[in-house]
Protein backbone atom coordinates (compact mmCIF):
# COMPACT_ATOMS: atom_id res chain seq x y z
CA MET A 1 100.08 24.04 121.51
CA ASP A 2 102.70 23.23 124.15
CA ALA A 3 105.45 22.66 121.61
CA GLU A 4 104.63 26.02 119.95
CA LEU A 5 104.79 27.77 123.40
CA ASP A 6 108.01 26.17 124.18
CA GLU A 7 109.46 27.30 120.90
CA LEU A 8 108.24 30.88 121.47
CA ARG A 9 109.80 30.83 124.95
CA GLU A 10 113.08 29.55 123.69
CA LEU A 11 113.15 32.31 121.01
CA GLY A 12 112.47 34.89 123.68
CA ALA A 13 115.08 33.55 126.03
CA ALA A 14 117.70 33.37 123.24
CA ALA A 15 117.03 37.04 122.42
CA ALA A 16 117.55 38.00 126.09
CA GLY A 17 120.58 36.01 126.63
CA ALA A 18 122.37 35.92 123.37
CA GLY A 19 121.14 38.83 121.31
CA GLY A 20 124.64 40.03 120.90
CA ASP A 21 125.43 36.98 118.70
CA ARG A 22 123.01 38.36 116.12
CA GLY A 23 125.53 40.76 114.72
CA ALA A 24 128.44 38.38 114.79
CA GLY A 25 127.81 37.19 111.18
CA ALA A 26 127.60 40.77 110.01
CA ALA A 27 130.91 41.64 111.64
CA ALA A 28 132.79 38.55 110.81
CA ASP A 29 133.92 39.67 107.38
CA ARG A 30 134.97 43.13 108.64
CA ASP A 31 137.85 44.60 110.46
CA TRP A 32 135.65 46.35 112.90
CA SER A 33 133.10 45.07 115.54
CA LEU A 34 129.60 45.92 116.28
CA LYS A 35 127.26 45.27 119.13
CA VAL A 36 123.63 44.27 119.02
CA ARG A 37 121.66 45.88 121.78
CA PHE A 38 118.02 46.45 122.83
CA ASN A 39 116.22 49.25 124.53
CA SER A 40 112.48 49.98 124.91
CA VAL A 41 112.62 53.15 122.81
CA PHE A 42 114.58 51.91 119.68
CA GLY A 43 114.14 48.18 119.98
CA TYR A 44 117.06 46.14 118.68
CA TYR A 45 119.91 48.08 117.00
CA LEU A 46 123.48 47.66 115.89
CA GLU A 47 126.01 49.91 117.76
CA VAL A 48 129.22 50.81 115.96
CA THR A 49 131.88 53.09 117.38
CA LYS A 50 132.15 56.56 115.73
CA ALA A 51 135.59 55.67 114.47
CA ASN A 52 134.21 52.68 112.51
CA SER A 53 130.98 54.31 111.46
CA ARG A 54 132.33 55.08 108.03
CA SER A 55 132.73 51.47 107.27
CA VAL A 56 129.12 50.60 107.75
CA PRO A 57 127.36 49.12 104.68
CA ASP A 58 124.93 51.33 102.76
CA ASP A 59 121.99 49.04 103.75
CA TYR A 60 122.39 49.99 107.47
CA GLU A 61 119.73 52.43 108.40
CA ARG A 62 121.03 55.00 110.88
CA LYS A 63 118.79 55.33 113.97
CA GLN A 64 120.71 57.44 116.38
CA THR A 65 123.93 59.33 116.77
CA LEU A 66 125.76 59.32 120.14
CA VAL A 67 128.91 61.07 121.26
CA ASN A 68 131.20 58.11 120.68
CA ALA A 69 128.95 55.76 118.61
CA GLU A 70 126.33 55.42 115.93
CA ARG A 71 123.20 53.14 116.19
CA PHE A 72 121.87 51.36 113.08
CA THR A 73 119.27 48.84 112.02
CA THR A 74 118.83 46.52 109.00
CA PRO A 75 115.73 44.91 107.57
CA GLU A 76 117.00 41.50 108.96
CA LEU A 77 117.28 42.88 112.36
CA LYS A 78 113.75 44.45 112.21
CA GLU A 79 112.44 41.15 111.17
CA TYR A 80 114.16 39.37 114.11
CA GLU A 81 112.90 41.96 116.44
CA THR A 82 109.33 41.38 115.29
CA LYS A 83 109.79 37.52 115.87
CA ILE A 84 111.18 38.02 119.29
CA LEU A 85 108.59 40.58 120.51
CA THR A 86 105.74 38.50 119.06
CA ALA A 87 107.07 35.31 120.64
CA GLN A 88 107.46 37.13 124.04
CA GLU A 89 103.86 38.55 123.77
CA ARG A 90 102.36 35.22 122.75
CA SER A 91 104.17 33.36 125.50
CA GLY A 92 102.83 35.72 128.16
CA ARG A 93 106.04 37.39 129.11
């Protein structure tokens, strides 16, 4: 049980500290950048500037439109979010 708890805590800490790296692979093959962010209303999402929003792949699901940016999610990001939130809940955080 201790090993599982340690793994869950590491997953939660990684999400809190390095969540921005989650989108690095998605943006590596593109000429534009994106940011992975989290808030309590939308959960994890990808933020792309308005100027680059036309370059977003079709599998990105639009979540919110802001003045200078668009927020998206993907099935992979939703799965990652579920793992992180479950890990935090199970570890007592």
